[in-house]
Every structure is written in C-alpha cells, then in structure tokens.
Amino acid sequence: MSASGYHPCGTARMGPADDPMAVVDHRGRCHAVDGLVVADASIMPTVPRANINLSTIMIGEMIGEWIRTQPGEYGL
C-alpha cells in the first residue's frame, strides 16, 4: 500500500503571462488555452504551510463568483 500525507497543489501555477512557470492568471484563466479556467488547489504558486482545504474552497468560490458576475472577463 502507498499513501501520501501531503496535499498536492501548485501543478498549474498562477502568475503573469511572462512567467515561464505560470499556467493561469490571477483569475484562473489559462494562458495557453482560450476558455479554460482552473479553480482548484493546482493554481497555488507555492505549497502553503497549513492545510489547503479552506484555501481551495475560497479559490473555487471566488472564481465562481467572478464567472457569475463578470462573464465578459471569461469570454462568456
């Protein structure tokens, strides 16, 4: 059996378009794929010191609210 006690995050790092390691911008919009939005723990640029559960919920809620209230920012 294999298991992890870690909370994986940071695989689709958030950052400016000129950062070669960044995948999405500060609103979760993918730099390379139009219409793709990432709203989970993968956009955290670094691994936080605490449990990521509440931070991940906040990311999803905030990006969901932006999509609902500002659909033009997301091409909708």
N, C-alpha and C. Protein backbone atom coordinates (compact mmCIF):
# COMPACT_ATOMS: atom_id res chain seq x y z
N MET A 1 0.83 -1.17 0.00
CA MET A 1 0.00 0.00 0.00
C MET A 1 0.88 1.24 0.00
N SER A 2 0.41 2.24 -0.69
CA SER A 2 1.12 3.51 -0.74
C SER A 2 0.13 4.63 -0.46
N ALA A 3 0.56 5.63 0.26
CA ALA A 3 -0.32 6.76 0.57
C ALA A 3 0.52 8.02 0.75
N SER A 4 -0.14 9.14 0.67
CA SER A 4 0.53 10.42 0.84
C SER A 4 -0.17 11.22 1.93
N GLY A 5 0.58 11.81 2.80
CA GLY A 5 0.03 12.70 3.81
C GLY A 5 0.09 14.14 3.37
N TYR A 6 0.59 14.35 2.17
CA TYR A 6 0.73 15.70 1.64
C TYR A 6 -0.52 16.11 0.89
N HIS A 7 -0.69 17.39 0.71
CA HIS A 7 -1.81 17.93 -0.03
C HIS A 7 -1.28 18.49 -1.34
N PRO A 8 -1.39 17.73 -2.44
CA PRO A 8 -0.82 18.18 -3.70
C PRO A 8 -1.45 19.50 -4.17
N CYS A 9 -0.62 20.39 -4.61
CA CYS A 9 -1.09 21.65 -5.18
C CYS A 9 0.05 22.25 -5.99
N GLY A 10 -0.26 23.30 -6.72
CA GLY A 10 0.77 24.01 -7.46
C GLY A 10 1.14 23.42 -8.80
N THR A 11 0.31 22.54 -9.38
CA THR A 11 0.66 21.93 -10.66
C THR A 11 0.28 22.80 -11.85
N ALA A 12 -0.62 23.76 -11.67
CA ALA A 12 -0.99 24.70 -12.73
C ALA A 12 -0.83 26.11 -12.14
N ARG A 13 0.38 26.43 -11.81
CA ARG A 13 0.76 27.62 -11.06
C ARG A 13 0.17 28.92 -11.61
N MET A 14 -0.26 29.79 -10.70
CA MET A 14 -0.79 31.10 -11.04
C MET A 14 0.34 32.11 -11.14
N GLY A 15 0.27 32.98 -12.14
CA GLY A 15 1.28 34.02 -12.29
C GLY A 15 1.07 34.80 -13.57
N PRO A 16 1.90 35.80 -13.81
CA PRO A 16 1.76 36.61 -15.02
C PRO A 16 2.13 35.82 -16.27
N ALA A 17 1.64 36.27 -17.41
CA ALA A 17 1.87 35.57 -18.67
C ALA A 17 3.35 35.48 -19.04
N ASP A 18 4.17 36.42 -18.58
CA ASP A 18 5.59 36.38 -18.91
C ASP A 18 6.41 35.45 -18.00
N ASP A 19 5.77 34.84 -17.02
CA ASP A 19 6.43 33.86 -16.15
C ASP A 19 6.38 32.50 -16.85
N PRO A 20 7.52 31.92 -17.21
CA PRO A 20 7.50 30.64 -17.94
C PRO A 20 6.93 29.47 -17.13
N MET A 21 6.86 29.59 -15.81
CA MET A 21 6.31 28.52 -14.98
C MET A 21 4.81 28.69 -14.70
N ALA A 22 4.26 29.85 -15.04
CA ALA A 22 2.84 30.12 -14.75
C ALA A 22 1.94 29.53 -15.84
N VAL A 23 0.83 28.97 -15.41
CA VAL A 23 -0.14 28.36 -16.32
C VAL A 23 -1.40 29.22 -16.42
N VAL A 24 -1.82 29.83 -15.30
CA VAL A 24 -3.03 30.64 -15.28
C VAL A 24 -2.74 32.03 -14.72
N ASP A 25 -3.64 32.98 -15.01
CA ASP A 25 -3.50 34.32 -14.44
C ASP A 25 -4.19 34.39 -13.08
N HIS A 26 -4.27 35.57 -12.49
CA HIS A 26 -4.83 35.73 -11.15
C HIS A 26 -6.33 35.46 -11.07
N ARG A 27 -7.00 35.30 -12.18
CA ARG A 27 -8.43 34.96 -12.20
C ARG A 27 -8.68 33.53 -12.65
N GLY A 28 -7.61 32.73 -12.74
CA GLY A 28 -7.76 31.32 -13.08
C GLY A 28 -7.84 31.03 -14.57
N ARG A 29 -7.70 32.04 -15.42
CA ARG A 29 -7.77 31.85 -16.87
C ARG A 29 -6.44 31.32 -17.39
N CYS A 30 -6.50 30.25 -18.15
CA CYS A 30 -5.31 29.61 -18.69
C CYS A 30 -4.65 30.52 -19.73
N HIS A 31 -3.32 30.64 -19.67
CA HIS A 31 -2.59 31.48 -20.62
C HIS A 31 -2.61 30.89 -22.03
N ALA A 32 -2.55 29.58 -22.16
CA ALA A 32 -2.36 28.95 -23.47
C ALA A 32 -3.64 28.42 -24.12
N VAL A 33 -4.72 28.26 -23.36
CA VAL A 33 -5.94 27.67 -23.90
C VAL A 33 -7.11 28.63 -23.64
N ASP A 34 -7.67 29.20 -24.70
CA ASP A 34 -8.80 30.11 -24.54
C ASP A 34 -10.00 29.38 -23.96
N GLY A 35 -10.67 30.01 -23.01
CA GLY A 35 -11.88 29.45 -22.42
C GLY A 35 -11.66 28.46 -21.29
N LEU A 36 -10.42 28.11 -21.01
CA LEU A 36 -10.13 27.16 -19.93
C LEU A 36 -9.89 27.93 -18.63
N VAL A 37 -10.64 27.57 -17.59
CA VAL A 37 -10.49 28.20 -16.27
C VAL A 37 -10.17 27.11 -15.27
N VAL A 38 -9.18 27.35 -14.43
CA VAL A 38 -8.78 26.41 -13.39
C VAL A 38 -9.13 27.05 -12.05
N ALA A 39 -9.91 26.35 -11.23
CA ALA A 39 -10.36 26.91 -9.95
C ALA A 39 -10.20 25.89 -8.84
N ASP A 40 -8.97 25.42 -8.64
CA ASP A 40 -8.71 24.45 -7.57
C ASP A 40 -7.32 24.68 -6.98
N ALA A 41 -6.86 23.77 -6.16
CA ALA A 41 -5.59 23.94 -5.45
C ALA A 41 -4.39 23.94 -6.39
N SER A 42 -4.56 23.50 -7.61
CA SER A 42 -3.41 23.45 -8.52
C SER A 42 -2.89 24.83 -8.88
N ILE A 43 -3.69 25.90 -8.72
CA ILE A 43 -3.20 27.23 -9.10
C ILE A 43 -2.38 27.92 -8.01
N MET A 44 -2.29 27.32 -6.83
CA MET A 44 -1.48 27.93 -5.77
C MET A 44 -0.01 27.93 -6.21
N PRO A 45 0.63 29.10 -6.25
CA PRO A 45 2.00 29.16 -6.75
C PRO A 45 3.03 28.47 -5.84
N THR A 46 2.73 28.38 -4.56
CA THR A 46 3.61 27.68 -3.62
C THR A 46 2.76 26.83 -2.69
N VAL A 47 3.36 25.85 -2.08
CA VAL A 47 2.66 24.99 -1.14
C VAL A 47 2.50 25.75 0.18
N PRO A 48 1.26 25.95 0.64
CA PRO A 48 1.08 26.65 1.91
C PRO A 48 1.52 25.80 3.09
N ARG A 49 1.80 26.44 4.19
CA ARG A 49 2.25 25.72 5.39
C ARG A 49 1.09 25.03 6.10
N ALA A 50 -0.12 25.47 5.87
CA ALA A 50 -1.29 24.91 6.54
C ALA A 50 -2.07 24.00 5.60
N ASN A 51 -3.10 23.37 6.13
CA ASN A 51 -3.98 22.54 5.32
C ASN A 51 -4.60 23.39 4.21
N ILE A 52 -4.73 22.83 3.02
CA ILE A 52 -5.19 23.62 1.88
C ILE A 52 -6.70 23.58 1.67
N ASN A 53 -7.44 22.89 2.52
CA ASN A 53 -8.87 22.74 2.32
C ASN A 53 -9.60 24.08 2.22
N LEU A 54 -9.47 24.94 3.22
CA LEU A 54 -10.18 26.22 3.20
C LEU A 54 -9.70 27.13 2.08
N SER A 55 -8.41 27.12 1.82
CA SER A 55 -7.88 27.95 0.72
C SER A 55 -8.44 27.50 -0.62
N THR A 56 -8.57 26.19 -0.81
CA THR A 56 -9.09 25.66 -2.05
C THR A 56 -10.58 26.00 -2.21
N ILE A 57 -11.33 25.92 -1.13
CA ILE A 57 -12.74 26.31 -1.18
C ILE A 57 -12.86 27.78 -1.55
N MET A 58 -12.02 28.63 -0.95
CA MET A 58 -12.04 30.06 -1.25
C MET A 58 -11.72 30.34 -2.71
N ILE A 59 -10.73 29.63 -3.26
CA ILE A 59 -10.37 29.81 -4.67
C ILE A 59 -11.58 29.47 -5.56
N GLY A 60 -12.19 28.33 -5.33
CA GLY A 60 -13.35 27.92 -6.12
C GLY A 60 -14.51 28.88 -5.99
N GLU A 61 -14.80 29.33 -4.77
CA GLU A 61 -15.90 30.26 -4.55
C GLU A 61 -15.63 31.61 -5.22
N MET A 62 -14.40 32.11 -5.12
CA MET A 62 -14.08 33.42 -5.68
C MET A 62 -14.12 33.39 -7.21
N ILE A 63 -13.50 32.39 -7.81
CA ILE A 63 -13.52 32.31 -9.28
C ILE A 63 -14.93 32.06 -9.77
N GLY A 64 -15.70 31.23 -9.07
CA GLY A 64 -17.10 31.02 -9.43
C GLY A 64 -17.90 32.31 -9.38
N GLU A 65 -17.66 33.13 -8.37
CA GLU A 65 -18.35 34.42 -8.25
C GLU A 65 -17.94 35.36 -9.37
N TRP A 66 -16.65 35.38 -9.72
CA TRP A 66 -16.21 36.22 -10.85
C TRP A 66 -16.86 35.77 -12.15
N ILE A 67 -16.96 34.48 -12.37
CA ILE A 67 -17.60 33.98 -13.60
C ILE A 67 -19.07 34.39 -13.61
N ARG A 68 -19.73 34.32 -12.46
CA ARG A 68 -21.15 34.69 -12.38
C ARG A 68 -21.36 36.19 -12.59
N THR A 69 -20.54 37.03 -11.98
CA THR A 69 -20.77 38.49 -12.00
C THR A 69 -20.04 39.21 -13.13
N GLN A 70 -18.97 38.60 -13.66
CA GLN A 70 -18.19 39.26 -14.72
C GLN A 70 -17.93 38.27 -15.86
N PRO A 71 -18.98 37.75 -16.49
CA PRO A 71 -18.78 36.74 -17.52
C PRO A 71 -17.94 37.19 -18.71
N GLY A 72 -17.95 38.49 -18.99
CA GLY A 72 -17.15 39.03 -20.10
C GLY A 72 -15.65 38.82 -19.91
N GLU A 73 -15.19 38.81 -18.66
CA GLU A 73 -13.78 38.57 -18.37
C GLU A 73 -13.37 37.16 -18.75
N TYR A 74 -14.35 36.27 -18.86
CA TYR A 74 -14.09 34.86 -19.16
C TYR A 74 -14.57 34.48 -20.56
N GLY A 75 -14.91 35.45 -21.35
CA GLY A 75 -15.34 35.18 -22.73
C GLY A 75 -16.73 34.57 -22.83
N LEU A 76 -17.56 34.81 -21.83
CA LEU A 76 -18.92 34.25 -21.84
C LEU A 76 -19.94 35.29 -22.23
